[in-house]
Amino acid sequence: MPHVRVCGALALALALSAAPAQAQQQKVDLKFTAVAGDEPIACGTPIPGLGSTAQAAQLQDLRFFVSEVKLIRRGGKQVPVKLAKNSAFRVTRDGVGVTLIDLEDGTGSCSVDGSAAMNDVVRGTVPKGKYVGVRWTVGVPFALNHTDAPAVPAPLNSAAMAWSWQVGRKFTKIEFADPGGATGAWSAKTFFIHLGSAGCEGNPATGATVKCAASNRPAVKLKTFDPAGQQVAVDVGAMLAGNDITLNRGNAPGCMSGPDDPECAGIFSAFGLSGKQTVFRPIDR
């Protein structure tokens, strides 16, 4: 009997010590939504006025990785978001977390490489408090990026987001197509935005250390943001403003992260890799 009482008392003490820690946490849902200017966009519906020549386009894909999410307190202190348990769209490994935001639904113009499953949120917890801003990185952290896709969990094993360069990943897979299809008016029928690390050397499959000349992981900071009442607009209008999306002026159509790709200058600028980012902004839910 004494042994039973001791075990019971220990279990109660552990439960009581865990309860305050859990009560001191609050849930975070950092939500994203796709827009062109002030208008929502979706697969299968032409988007007017895109690019420097204000062309209509079809959305073909809209996925990107988000990592290193932190909420910002008044005064500037940044508090890391601890991701919720692993799922098809998020994973934490060795203390490093990443979420795949998937805003395409696999229908209409997104049917070629898309899927019905979607995810518009980075979900986790932070210590209770008042938060007035948010910051994150677009991309997969280095420790998780250069790994063999078949051996890693979802969402890092996504074939659509895989990149053959040093067994890395596309940080963004955002694509647009000529609404007229093969007989449309665009000179180049597609415009791809595939951000990822470039100039990489070393193959992790052989145990070699990977080094990349350009990490191409945009850091985004919204100084004013209410995580409870606002969401993040992903503005493809701002994203494409620096390019004529109907033309391919060199290399692959759109931007594949090459430093000498003429379409990448406008994309790098919009995402904040050079200059102030314009793609992401807060809007009311």
C-alpha atoms as a PDB file:
ATOM      1  CA  MET A   1       0.000   0.000   0.000  1.00  0.00           C
ATOM      2  CA  PRO A   2       2.719   2.580   0.786  1.00  0.00           C
ATOM      3  CA  HIS A   3       4.239   1.882  -2.640  1.00  0.00           C
ATOM      4  CA  VAL A   4       0.856   2.564  -4.298  1.00  0.00           C
ATOM      5  CA  ARG A   5       0.448   5.819  -2.382  1.00  0.00           C
ATOM      6  CA  VAL A   6       3.956   6.969  -3.374  1.00  0.00           C
ATOM      7  CA  CYS A   7       3.361   6.198  -7.062  1.00  0.00           C
ATOM      8  CA  GLY A   8       0.002   7.946  -6.963  1.00  0.00           C
ATOM      9  CA  ALA A   9       1.484  11.011  -5.308  1.00  0.00           C
ATOM     10  CA  LEU A  10       4.306  11.115  -7.872  1.00  0.00           C
ATOM     11  CA  ALA A  11       1.867  10.896 -10.789  1.00  0.00           C
ATOM     12  CA  LEU A  12      -0.235  13.690  -9.290  1.00  0.00           C
ATOM     13  CA  ALA A  13       2.828  15.872  -8.779  1.00  0.00           C
ATOM     14  CA  LEU A  14       3.937  15.349 -12.370  1.00  0.00           C
ATOM     15  CA  ALA A  15       0.465  16.173 -13.683  1.00  0.00           C
ATOM     16  CA  LEU A  16       0.275  19.329 -11.596  1.00  0.00           C
ATOM     17  CA  SER A  17       3.736  20.470 -12.713  1.00  0.00           C
ATOM     18  CA  ALA A  18       2.835  19.919 -16.389  1.00  0.00           C
ATOM     19  CA  ALA A  19      -0.501  21.700 -16.190  1.00  0.00           C
ATOM     20  CA  PRO A  20       0.870  25.227 -15.530  1.00  0.00           C
ATOM     21  CA  ALA A  21       3.370  24.883 -18.409  1.00  0.00           C
ATOM     22  CA  GLN A  22       0.577  23.861 -20.794  1.00  0.00           C
ATOM     23  CA  ALA A  23      -1.672  26.644 -19.516  1.00  0.00           C
ATOM     24  CA  GLN A  24       1.063  29.194 -20.244  1.00  0.00           C
ATOM     25  CA  GLN A  25       1.022  28.348 -23.966  1.00  0.00           C
ATOM     26  CA  GLN A  26      -1.328  29.712 -26.615  1.00  0.00           C
ATOM     27  CA  LYS A  27      -2.120  28.327 -30.036  1.00  0.00           C
ATOM     28  CA  VAL A  28      -0.893  30.023 -33.212  1.00  0.00           C
ATOM     29  CA  ASP A  29      -2.408  29.668 -36.685  1.00  0.00           C
ATOM     30  CA  LEU A  30      -0.428  31.734 -39.188  1.00  0.00           C
ATOM     31  CA  LYS A  31      -2.772  31.636 -42.185  1.00  0.00           C
ATOM     32  CA  PHE A  32      -1.922  32.392 -45.822  1.00  0.00           C
ATOM     33  CA  THR A  33      -4.252  33.269 -48.694  1.00  0.00           C
ATOM     34  CA  ALA A  34      -3.529  33.792 -52.403  1.00  0.00           C
ATOM     35  CA  VAL A  35      -4.499  37.094 -54.014  1.00  0.00           C
ATOM     36  CA  ALA A  36      -3.735  39.304 -56.992  1.00  0.00           C
ATOM     37  CA  GLY A  37      -3.904  42.811 -55.600  1.00  0.00           C
ATOM     38  CA  ASP A  38      -7.112  42.834 -53.556  1.00  0.00           C
ATOM     39  CA  GLU A  39      -8.792  39.924 -55.361  1.00  0.00           C
ATOM     40  CA  PRO A  40      -8.622  36.265 -54.268  1.00  0.00           C
ATOM     41  CA  ILE A  41      -7.327  33.825 -56.863  1.00  0.00           C
ATOM     42  CA  ALA A  42      -7.835  30.123 -57.492  1.00  0.00           C
ATOM     43  CA  CYS A  43      -6.984  27.344 -59.914  1.00  0.00           C
ATOM     44  CA  GLY A  44      -9.077  27.343 -63.084  1.00  0.00           C
ATOM     45  CA  THR A  45     -10.000  31.037 -63.043  1.00  0.00           C
ATOM     46  CA  PRO A  46      -7.955  33.419 -65.248  1.00  0.00           C
ATOM     47  CA  ILE A  47      -6.143  36.151 -63.317  1.00  0.00           C
ATOM     48  CA  PRO A  48      -6.120  39.510 -65.139  1.00  0.00           C
ATOM     49  CA  GLY A  49      -3.475  42.228 -65.190  1.00  0.00           C
ATOM     50  CA  LEU A  50      -0.326  40.299 -64.293  1.00  0.00           C
ATOM     51  CA  GLY A  51       3.240  41.300 -65.040  1.00  0.00           C
ATOM     52  CA  SER A  52       4.686  44.453 -66.558  1.00  0.00           C
ATOM     53  CA  THR A  53       2.367  44.143 -69.584  1.00  0.00           C
ATOM     54  CA  ALA A  54      -0.814  43.411 -67.580  1.00  0.00           C
ATOM     55  CA  GLN A  55      -1.530  39.984 -69.050  1.00  0.00           C
ATOM     56  CA  ALA A  56      -4.133  37.430 -67.998  1.00  0.00           C
ATOM     57  CA  ALA A  57      -2.734  34.125 -66.717  1.00  0.00           C
ATOM     58  CA  GLN A  58      -3.858  30.813 -65.280  1.00  0.00           C
ATOM     59  CA  LEU A  59      -2.501  29.728 -61.908  1.00  0.00           C
ATOM     60  CA  GLN A  60      -0.785  26.370 -62.382  1.00  0.00           C
ATOM     61  CA  ASP A  61       0.789  25.826 -58.939  1.00  0.00           C
ATOM     62  CA  LEU A  62       1.252  27.704 -55.652  1.00  0.00           C
ATOM     63  CA  ARG A  63       3.284  25.962 -52.975  1.00  0.00           C
ATOM     64  CA  PHE A  64       6.147  27.108 -50.742  1.00  0.00           C
ATOM     65  CA  PHE A  65       7.999  26.072 -47.603  1.00  0.00           C
ATOM     66  CA  VAL A  66       7.954  28.199 -44.439  1.00  0.00           C
ATOM     67  CA  SER A  67      10.438  27.838 -41.580  1.00  0.00           C
ATOM     68  CA  GLU A  68      11.911  29.760 -38.621  1.00  0.00           C
ATOM     69  CA  VAL A  69       8.565  31.336 -37.714  1.00  0.00           C
ATOM     70  CA  LYS A  70       8.671  33.812 -34.836  1.00  0.00           C
ATOM     71  CA  LEU A  71       6.027  36.102 -33.379  1.00  0.00           C
ATOM     72  CA  ILE A  72       7.147  39.558 -32.340  1.00  0.00           C
ATOM     73  CA  ARG A  73       6.234  41.221 -29.049  1.00  0.00           C
ATOM     74  CA  ARG A  74       5.830  44.950 -28.570  1.00  0.00           C
ATOM     75  CA  GLY A  75       9.384  46.116 -28.013  1.00  0.00           C
ATOM     76  CA  GLY A  76      10.772  43.834 -30.705  1.00  0.00           C
ATOM     77  CA  LYS A  77      11.435  40.537 -28.905  1.00  0.00           C
ATOM     78  CA  GLN A  78      11.028  37.595 -31.287  1.00  0.00           C
ATOM     79  CA  VAL A  79       9.513  34.392 -29.883  1.00  0.00           C
ATOM     80  CA  PRO A  80       9.887  31.122 -31.869  1.00  0.00           C
ATOM     81  CA  VAL A  81       6.721  29.221 -32.759  1.00  0.00           C
ATOM     82  CA  LYS A  82       6.874  25.564 -31.701  1.00  0.00           C
ATOM     83  CA  LEU A  83       5.173  23.615 -34.482  1.00  0.00           C
ATOM     84  CA  ALA A  84       2.273  21.292 -33.731  1.00  0.00           C
ATOM     85  CA  LYS A  85       2.791  17.536 -34.107  1.00  0.00           C
ATOM     86  CA  ASN A  86       4.096  16.245 -37.422  1.00  0.00           C
ATOM     87  CA  SER A  87       1.618  15.914 -40.274  1.00  0.00           C
ATOM     88  CA  ALA A  88       1.536  15.623 -44.055  1.00  0.00           C
ATOM     89  CA  PHE A  89       2.377  19.348 -44.230  1.00  0.00           C
ATOM     90  CA  ARG A  90       4.787  19.962 -41.344  1.00  0.00           C
ATOM     91  CA  VAL A  91       7.687  18.253 -39.657  1.00  0.00           C
ATOM     92  CA  THR A  92      10.141  18.982 -36.858  1.00  0.00           C
ATOM     93  CA  ARG A  93      13.412  17.053 -36.841  1.00  0.00           C
ATOM     94  CA  ASP A  94      16.259  17.613 -34.376  1.00  0.00           C
ATOM     95  CA  GLY A  95      14.568  20.810 -33.252  1.00  0.00           C
ATOM     96  CA  VAL A  96      14.298  22.210 -36.793  1.00  0.00           C
ATOM     97  CA  GLY A  97      10.767  22.697 -38.168  1.00  0.00           C
ATOM     98  CA  VAL A  98       9.308  23.390 -41.598  1.00  0.00           C
ATOM     99  CA  THR A  99       5.772  23.706 -42.993  1.00  0.00           C
ATOM    100  CA  LEU A 100       4.597  23.321 -46.585  1.00  0.00           C
ATOM    101  CA  ILE A 101       1.973  25.906 -47.559  1.00  0.00           C
ATOM    102  CA  ASP A 102      -0.114  24.507 -50.435  1.00  0.00           C
ATOM    103  CA  LEU A 103      -2.651  26.922 -51.937  1.00  0.00           C
ATOM    104  CA  GLU A 104      -3.501  24.913 -55.078  1.00  0.00           C
ATOM    105  CA  ASP A 105      -6.291  22.315 -55.114  1.00  0.00           C
ATOM    106  CA  GLY A 106      -5.362  20.162 -58.102  1.00  0.00           C
ATOM    107  CA  THR A 107      -8.331  21.272 -60.206  1.00  0.00           C
ATOM    108  CA  GLY A 108      -8.534  23.021 -63.569  1.00  0.00           C
ATOM    109  CA  SER A 109      -5.211  24.567 -64.575  1.00  0.00           C
ATOM    110  CA  CYS A 110      -3.537  23.049 -61.482  1.00  0.00           C
ATOM    111  CA  SER A 111      -4.426  19.458 -62.392  1.00  0.00           C
ATOM    112  CA  VAL A 112      -1.155  18.561 -64.154  1.00  0.00           C
ATOM    113  CA  ASP A 113       1.081  18.424 -61.082  1.00  0.00           C
ATOM    114  CA  GLY A 114      -1.247  19.468 -58.253  1.00  0.00           C
ATOM    115  CA  SER A 115      -3.231  17.599 -55.630  1.00  0.00           C
ATOM    116  CA  ALA A 116      -6.555  17.980 -53.856  1.00  0.00           C
ATOM    117  CA  ALA A 117      -4.967  18.250 -50.417  1.00  0.00           C
ATOM    118  CA  MET A 118      -4.283  21.819 -49.338  1.00  0.00           C
ATOM    119  CA  ASN A 119      -2.701  23.570 -46.362  1.00  0.00           C
ATOM    120  CA  ASP A 120      -2.934  27.299 -45.670  1.00  0.00           C
ATOM    121  CA  VAL A 121      -1.571  27.453 -42.134  1.00  0.00           C
ATOM    122  CA  VAL A 122       1.560  27.262 -40.001  1.00  0.00           C
ATOM    123  CA  ARG A 123       0.232  25.780 -36.762  1.00  0.00           C
ATOM    124  CA  GLY A 124       1.950  25.729 -33.401  1.00  0.00           C
ATOM    125  CA  THR A 125       2.206  27.319 -29.965  1.00  0.00           C
ATOM    126  CA  VAL A 126       3.972  30.220 -28.241  1.00  0.00           C
ATOM    127  CA  PRO A 127       4.086  31.422 -24.629  1.00  0.00           C
ATOM    128  CA  LYS A 128       0.965  33.390 -23.728  1.00  0.00           C
ATOM    129  CA  GLY A 129       1.206  37.076 -24.406  1.00  0.00           C
ATOM    130  CA  LYS A 130       0.474  39.936 -26.770  1.00  0.00           C
ATOM    131  CA  TYR A 131       2.118  39.731 -30.189  1.00  0.00           C
ATOM    132  CA  VAL A 132       2.184  42.533 -32.729  1.00  0.00           C
ATOM    133  CA  GLY A 133       4.280  41.167 -35.606  1.00  0.00           C
ATOM    134  CA  VAL A 134       5.648  38.057 -37.287  1.00  0.00           C
ATOM    135  CA  ARG A 135       8.705  36.937 -39.202  1.00  0.00           C
ATOM    136  CA  TRP A 136       9.601  33.759 -41.090  1.00  0.00           C
ATOM    137  CA  THR A 137      11.893  32.341 -43.750  1.00  0.00           C
ATOM    138  CA  VAL A 138      10.683  31.130 -47.140  1.00  0.00           C
ATOM    139  CA  GLY A 139      12.535  27.867 -47.645  1.00  0.00           C
ATOM    140  CA  VAL A 140      13.804  24.680 -46.049  1.00  0.00           C
ATOM    141  CA  PRO A 141      16.526  25.104 -43.407  1.00  0.00           C
ATOM    142  CA  PHE A 142      19.950  23.918 -44.565  1.00  0.00           C
ATOM    143  CA  ALA A 143      19.975  20.998 -42.099  1.00  0.00           C
ATOM    144  CA  LEU A 144      16.830  19.535 -43.684  1.00  0.00           C
ATOM    145  CA  ASN A 145      17.295  20.634 -47.273  1.00  0.00           C
ATOM    146  CA  HIS A 146      20.213  18.553 -48.504  1.00  0.00           C
ATOM    147  CA  THR A 147      18.849  15.141 -47.571  1.00  0.00           C
ATOM    148  CA  ASP A 148      17.686  12.170 -49.613  1.00  0.00           C
ATOM    149  CA  ALA A 149      13.945  12.596 -50.272  1.00  0.00           C
ATOM    150  CA  PRO A 150      12.895   8.907 -49.995  1.00  0.00           C
ATOM    151  CA  ALA A 151      14.434   8.705 -46.530  1.00  0.00           C
ATOM    152  CA  VAL A 152      12.737  11.762 -45.023  1.00  0.00           C
ATOM    153  CA  PRO A 153       9.181  12.324 -43.774  1.00  0.00           C
ATOM    154  CA  ALA A 154       6.434  14.418 -45.314  1.00  0.00           C
ATOM    155  CA  PRO A 155       6.372  17.131 -46.472  1.00  0.00           C
ATOM    156  CA  LEU A 156      10.095  16.932 -47.334  1.00  0.00           C
ATOM    157  CA  ASN A 157       9.450  13.814 -49.443  1.00  0.00           C
ATOM    158  CA  SER A 158       7.136  15.676 -51.839  1.00  0.00           C
ATOM    159  CA  ALA A 159       8.130  14.772 -55.394  1.00  0.00           C
ATOM    160  CA  ALA A 160       6.644  18.045 -56.670  1.00  0.00           C
ATOM    161  CA  MET A 161       8.941  20.066 -54.404  1.00  0.00           C
ATOM    162  CA  ALA A 162      12.083  18.013 -55.021  1.00  0.00           C
ATOM    163  CA  TRP A 163      15.024  19.550 -56.831  1.00  0.00           C
ATOM    164  CA  SER A 164      17.748  17.437 -58.369  1.00  0.00           C
ATOM    165  CA  TRP A 165      20.458  19.932 -57.426  1.00  0.00           C
ATOM    166  CA  GLN A 166      22.355  18.374 -54.475  1.00  0.00           C
ATOM    167  CA  VAL A 167      19.193  16.490 -53.411  1.00  0.00           C
ATOM    168  CA  GLY A 168      17.641  19.768 -52.320  1.00  0.00           C
ATOM    169  CA  ARG A 169      14.130  21.192 -52.546  1.00  0.00           C
ATOM    170  CA  LYS A 170      12.300  23.872 -54.412  1.00  0.00           C
ATOM    171  CA  PHE A 171      11.526  26.442 -51.720  1.00  0.00           C
ATOM    172  CA  THR A 172       8.725  27.763 -53.928  1.00  0.00           C
ATOM    173  CA  LYS A 173       6.806  26.087 -56.734  1.00  0.00           C
ATOM    174  CA  ILE A 174       4.677  28.908 -58.088  1.00  0.00           C
ATOM    175  CA  GLU A 175       3.687  28.634 -61.740  1.00  0.00           C
ATOM    176  CA  PHE A 176       1.528  30.442 -64.277  1.00  0.00           C
ATOM    177  CA  ALA A 177       0.396  29.447 -67.752  1.00  0.00           C
ATOM    178  CA  ASP A 178      -0.967  31.051 -70.915  1.00  0.00           C
ATOM    179  CA  PRO A 179      -4.778  30.951 -70.516  1.00  0.00           C
ATOM    180  CA  GLY A 180      -4.979  30.213 -74.233  1.00  0.00           C
ATOM    181  CA  GLY A 181      -2.930  27.041 -73.855  1.00  0.00           C
ATOM    182  CA  ALA A 182      -0.690  25.859 -76.670  1.00  0.00           C
ATOM    183  CA  THR A 183      -2.421  28.167 -79.147  1.00  0.00           C
ATOM    184  CA  GLY A 184      -2.371  31.190 -76.845  1.00  0.00           C
ATOM    185  CA  ALA A 185      -0.669  34.525 -77.426  1.00  0.00           C
ATOM    186  CA  TRP A 186       2.294  34.077 -75.054  1.00  0.00           C
ATOM    187  CA  SER A 187       5.678  33.538 -76.686  1.00  0.00           C
ATOM    188  CA  ALA A 188       6.643  31.338 -73.714  1.00  0.00           C
ATOM    189  CA  LYS A 189       3.587  29.383 -72.562  1.00  0.00           C
ATOM    190  CA  THR A 190       4.593  29.169 -68.897  1.00  0.00           C
ATOM    191  CA  PHE A 191       6.266  31.289 -66.225  1.00  0.00           C
ATOM    192  CA  PHE A 192       7.860  29.381 -63.347  1.00  0.00           C
ATOM    193  CA  ILE A 193       9.016  30.718 -59.975  1.00  0.00           C
ATOM    194  CA  HIS A 194      11.218  28.010 -58.476  1.00  0.00           C
ATOM    195  CA  LEU A 195      13.314  29.497 -55.697  1.00  0.00           C
ATOM    196  CA  GLY A 196      15.968  27.245 -54.233  1.00  0.00           C
ATOM    197  CA  SER A 197      19.614  27.221 -53.252  1.00  0.00           C
ATOM    198  CA  ALA A 198      21.936  27.691 -56.227  1.00  0.00           C
ATOM    199  CA  GLY A 199      25.623  27.217 -56.974  1.00  0.00           C
ATOM    200  CA  CYS A 200      25.770  24.170 -54.708  1.00  0.00           C
ATOM    201  CA  GLU A 201      28.732  21.789 -54.509  1.00  0.00           C
ATOM    202  CA  GLY A 202      29.027  18.436 -52.764  1.00  0.00           C
ATOM    203  CA  ASN A 203      26.707  15.437 -52.923  1.00  0.00           C
ATOM    204  CA  PRO A 204      25.150  14.387 -49.585  1.00  0.00           C
ATOM    205  CA  ALA A 205      24.469  10.913 -51.001  1.00  0.00           C
ATOM    206  CA  THR A 206      28.232  10.301 -50.923  1.00  0.00           C
ATOM    207  CA  GLY A 207      28.710  11.928 -47.523  1.00  0.00           C
ATOM    208  CA  ALA A 208      30.228  15.072 -48.985  1.00  0.00           C
ATOM    209  CA  THR A 209      29.510  18.415 -47.336  1.00  0.00           C
ATOM    210  CA  VAL A 210      27.212  20.621 -49.379  1.00  0.00           C
ATOM    211  CA  LYS A 211      28.046  24.298 -49.843  1.00  0.00           C
ATOM    212  CA  CYS A 212      25.887  26.702 -51.847  1.00  0.00           C
ATOM    213  CA  ALA A 213      26.936  30.029 -53.308  1.00  0.00           C
ATOM    214  CA  ALA A 214      23.403  31.424 -52.938  1.00  0.00           C
ATOM    215  CA  SER A 215      21.048  30.110 -50.250  1.00  0.00           C
ATOM    216  CA  ASN A 216      18.047  32.013 -51.723  1.00  0.00           C
ATOM    217  CA  ARG A 217      15.997  31.819 -48.534  1.00  0.00           C
ATOM    218  CA  PRO A 218      13.978  35.070 -48.304  1.00  0.00           C
ATOM    219  CA  ALA A 219      13.517  36.414 -44.761  1.00  0.00           C
ATOM    220  CA  VAL A 220      10.099  38.038 -44.340  1.00  0.00           C
ATOM    221  CA  LYS A 221       9.127  40.366 -41.508  1.00  0.00           C
ATOM    222  CA  LEU A 222       5.731  41.964 -40.958  1.00  0.00           C
ATOM    223  CA  LYS A 223       6.277  44.528 -38.198  1.00  0.00           C
ATOM    224  CA  THR A 224       2.552  45.027 -37.735  1.00  0.00           C
ATOM    225  CA  PHE A 225       0.518  41.822 -37.671  1.00  0.00           C
ATOM    226  CA  ASP A 226      -2.254  40.438 -35.455  1.00  0.00           C
ATOM    227  CA  PRO A 227      -2.026  36.617 -35.588  1.00  0.00           C
ATOM    228  CA  ALA A 228      -5.508  36.267 -34.069  1.00  0.00           C
ATOM    229  CA  GLY A 229      -7.366  38.580 -36.458  1.00  0.00           C
ATOM    230  CA  GLN A 230      -5.241  38.770 -39.604  1.00  0.00           C
ATOM    231  CA  GLN A 231      -3.830  36.474 -42.262  1.00  0.00           C
ATOM    232  CA  VAL A 232      -0.963  36.782 -44.740  1.00  0.00           C
ATOM    233  CA  ALA A 233      -1.802  37.707 -48.318  1.00  0.00           C
ATOM    234  CA  VAL A 234       0.441  36.104 -50.954  1.00  0.00           C
ATOM    235  CA  ASP A 235       0.167  38.676 -53.742  1.00  0.00           C
ATOM    236  CA  VAL A 236       1.015  37.217 -57.156  1.00  0.00           C
ATOM    237  CA  GLY A 237       0.414  40.625 -58.705  1.00  0.00           C
ATOM    238  CA  ALA A 238       3.324  42.098 -56.749  1.00  0.00           C
ATOM    239  CA  MET A 239       5.321  38.920 -57.311  1.00  0.00           C
ATOM    240  CA  LEU A 240       5.182  39.259 -61.118  1.00  0.00           C
ATOM    241  CA  ALA A 241       5.232  43.043 -61.458  1.00  0.00           C
ATOM    242  CA  GLY A 242       8.855  43.167 -62.620  1.00  0.00           C
ATOM    243  CA  ASN A 243       8.515  40.769 -65.566  1.00  0.00           C
ATOM    244  CA  ASP A 244       6.705  40.368 -68.863  1.00  0.00           C
ATOM    245  CA  ILE A 245       5.392  36.889 -68.091  1.00  0.00           C
ATOM    246  CA  THR A 246       4.667  36.112 -71.747  1.00  0.00           C
ATOM    247  CA  LEU A 247       8.357  36.108 -72.732  1.00  0.00           C
ATOM    248  CA  ASN A 248      11.426  34.055 -71.920  1.00  0.00           C
ATOM    249  CA  ARG A 249      14.491  36.282 -72.162  1.00  0.00           C
ATOM    250  CA  GLY A 250      16.957  33.527 -71.312  1.00  0.00           C
ATOM    251  CA  ASN A 251      17.410  30.133 -69.629  1.00  0.00           C
ATOM    252  CA  ALA A 252      14.200  28.384 -68.489  1.00  0.00           C
ATOM    253  CA  PRO A 253      10.852  30.220 -68.650  1.00  0.00           C
ATOM    254  CA  GLY A 254      10.489  32.368 -65.536  1.00  0.00           C
ATOM    255  CA  CYS A 255      12.993  32.197 -62.673  1.00  0.00           C
ATOM    256  CA  MET A 256      14.783  28.993 -61.664  1.00  0.00           C
ATOM    257  CA  SER A 257      17.083  30.833 -59.219  1.00  0.00           C
ATOM    258  CA  GLY A 258      19.996  31.162 -61.628  1.00  0.00           C
ATOM    259  CA  PRO A 259      22.065  34.300 -60.892  1.00  0.00           C
ATOM    260  CA  ASP A 260      22.294  35.083 -64.610  1.00  0.00           C
ATOM    261  CA  ASP A 261      18.620  34.430 -65.402  1.00  0.00           C
ATOM    262  CA  PRO A 262      17.135  37.781 -66.555  1.00  0.00           C
ATOM    263  CA  GLU A 263      13.700  36.926 -65.123  1.00  0.00           C
ATOM    264  CA  CYS A 264      15.131  36.374 -61.633  1.00  0.00           C
ATOM    265  CA  ALA A 265      15.991  40.017 -60.930  1.00  0.00           C
ATOM    266  CA  GLY A 266      12.336  41.008 -60.592  1.00  0.00           C
ATOM    267  CA  ILE A 267      11.458  37.863 -58.620  1.00  0.00           C
ATOM    268  CA  PHE A 268      14.410  38.230 -56.221  1.00  0.00           C
ATOM    269  CA  SER A 269      13.394  41.838 -55.609  1.00  0.00           C
ATOM    270  CA  ALA A 270       9.738  40.984 -54.947  1.00  0.00           C
ATOM    271  CA  PHE A 271      10.670  38.273 -52.427  1.00  0.00           C
ATOM    272  CA  GLY A 272      13.160  40.523 -50.656  1.00  0.00           C
ATOM    273  CA  LEU A 273      16.365  38.768 -51.714  1.00  0.00           C
ATOM    274  CA  SER A 274      17.380  42.142 -53.161  1.00  0.00           C
ATOM    275  CA  GLY A 275      15.446  45.098 -51.829  1.00  0.00           C
ATOM    276  CA  LYS A 276      12.246  45.239 -49.793  1.00  0.00           C
ATOM    277  CA  GLN A 277       9.838  42.324 -50.199  1.00  0.00           C
ATOM    278  CA  THR A 278       6.395  43.066 -51.683  1.00  0.00           C
ATOM    279  CA  VAL A 279       4.839  39.582 -51.962  1.00  0.00           C
ATOM    280  CA  PHE A 280       3.528  39.200 -48.403  1.00  0.00           C
ATOM    281  CA  ARG A 281       1.332  41.588 -46.431  1.00  0.00           C
ATOM    282  CA  PRO A 282      -1.234  41.398 -43.610  1.00  0.00           C
ATOM    283  CA  ILE A 283      -4.967  41.478 -44.366  1.00  0.00           C
ATOM    284  CA  ASP A 284      -8.041  40.835 -42.220  1.00  0.00           C
ATOM    285  CA  ARG A 285      -9.365  37.304 -42.042  1.00  0.00           C
END
